[in-house]
C-alpha atoms as a PDB file:
ATOM      1  CA  MET A   1       0.000   0.000   0.000  1.00  0.00           C
ATOM      2  CA  ALA A   2       1.157   3.510  -0.684  1.00  0.00           C
ATOM      3  CA  SER A   3       2.795   5.368   2.175  1.00  0.00           C
ATOM      4  CA  ARG A   4       0.705   8.463   1.425  1.00  0.00           C
ATOM      5  CA  LYS A   5      -3.008   7.748   1.432  1.00  0.00           C
ATOM      6  CA  THR A   6      -5.788   9.979   0.183  1.00  0.00           C
ATOM      7  CA  SER A   7      -8.266  11.338   2.723  1.00  0.00           C
ATOM      8  CA  GLY A   8     -11.115   9.245   1.283  1.00  0.00           C
ATOM      9  CA  LYS A   9      -9.189   6.027   1.689  1.00  0.00           C
ATOM     10  CA  LYS A  10      -8.226   6.966   5.247  1.00  0.00           C
ATOM     11  CA  THR A  11     -11.854   7.537   6.222  1.00  0.00           C
ATOM     12  CA  ARG A  12     -12.882   4.194   4.719  1.00  0.00           C
ATOM     13  CA  LEU A  13     -10.133   2.413   6.646  1.00  0.00           C
ATOM     14  CA  VAL A  14     -11.155   4.117   9.900  1.00  0.00           C
ATOM     15  CA  LYS A  15     -14.814   3.148   9.430  1.00  0.00           C
ATOM     16  CA  ALA A  16     -13.866  -0.461   8.670  1.00  0.00           C
ATOM     17  CA  ARG A  17     -11.687  -0.569  11.781  1.00  0.00           C
ATOM     18  CA  LYS A  18     -14.549   0.608  13.991  1.00  0.00           C
ATOM     19  CA  LYS A  19     -16.864  -2.073  12.613  1.00  0.00           C
ATOM     20  CA  THR A  20     -14.536  -4.932  13.549  1.00  0.00           C
ATOM     21  CA  LYS A  21     -14.211  -4.018  17.231  1.00  0.00           C
ATOM     22  CA  TRP A  22     -15.667  -6.338  19.853  1.00  0.00           C
ATOM     23  CA  ALA A  23     -18.823  -5.556  21.725  1.00  0.00           C
ATOM     24  CA  PRO A  24     -18.447  -3.710  25.066  1.00  0.00           C
ATOM     25  CA  PHE A  25     -18.131  -5.783  28.239  1.00  0.00           C
ATOM     26  CA  TRP A  26     -21.491  -4.622  29.621  1.00  0.00           C
ATOM     27  CA  ALA A  27     -23.345  -5.873  26.532  1.00  0.00           C
ATOM     28  CA  ILE A  28     -22.645  -9.553  27.336  1.00  0.00           C
ATOM     29  CA  PRO A  29     -24.932  -9.870  30.401  1.00  0.00           C
ATOM     30  CA  LYS A  30     -27.514  -7.668  28.684  1.00  0.00           C
ATOM     31  CA  VAL A  31     -27.769  -9.986  25.659  1.00  0.00           C
ATOM     32  CA  PHE A  32     -26.981 -13.440  27.099  1.00  0.00           C
ATOM     33  CA  GLY A  33     -27.908 -12.995  30.768  1.00  0.00           C
ATOM     34  CA  ILE A  34     -25.884 -12.694  33.964  1.00  0.00           C
ATOM     35  CA  GLY A  35     -23.500 -15.562  34.662  1.00  0.00           C
ATOM     36  CA  ARG A  36     -23.066 -16.690  31.058  1.00  0.00           C
ATOM     37  CA  LYS A  37     -19.467 -16.551  29.864  1.00  0.00           C
ATOM     38  CA  VAL A  38     -19.414 -15.584  26.191  1.00  0.00           C
ATOM     39  CA  HIS A  39     -16.693 -13.936  24.128  1.00  0.00           C
ATOM     40  CA  PRO A  40     -17.526 -10.326  23.092  1.00  0.00           C
ATOM     41  CA  SER A  41     -16.861 -11.115  19.432  1.00  0.00           C
ATOM     42  CA  ARG A  42     -20.050 -13.210  19.282  1.00  0.00           C
ATOM     43  CA  ILE A  43     -22.191 -10.078  19.352  1.00  0.00           C
ATOM     44  CA  THR A  44     -20.143  -8.268  16.701  1.00  0.00           C
ATOM     45  CA  LYS A  45     -22.086  -8.385  13.425  1.00  0.00           C
ATOM     46  CA  GLN A  46     -19.376  -7.731  10.878  1.00  0.00           C
ATOM     47  CA  LYS A  47     -16.249  -9.825  11.316  1.00  0.00           C
ATOM     48  CA  ARG A  48     -13.463  -8.658   9.040  1.00  0.00           C
ATOM     49  CA  ASN A  49      -9.768  -9.411   9.086  1.00  0.00           C
ATOM     50  CA  TRP A  50      -6.985  -7.614   7.230  1.00  0.00           C
ATOM     51  CA  LYS A  51      -5.775 -10.896   5.760  1.00  0.00           C
ATOM     52  CA  ARG A  52      -9.101 -12.625   4.961  1.00  0.00           C
ATOM     53  CA  SER A  53     -11.112  -9.892   3.310  1.00  0.00           C
ATOM     54  CA  ARG A  54     -10.291  -6.610   1.607  1.00  0.00           C
ATOM     55  CA  ILE A  55     -11.906  -3.175   1.719  1.00  0.00           C
ATOM     56  CA  LYS A  56     -13.078  -1.504  -1.483  1.00  0.00           C
ATOM     57  CA  ASP A  57     -10.540   1.208  -2.331  1.00  0.00           C
END
């Protein structure tokens, strides 16, 4: 990738990064109930990895 990125590409990368974050810790008991041990990534809708899938440039 180029060392100097255009502003449009930077905003797309930032938005994609925000979408791949895990759910907050307080959302687990709210969704699954208190006492259930579940990984926060189970609530995350869009799972994207830098190696598996690409972002439209």
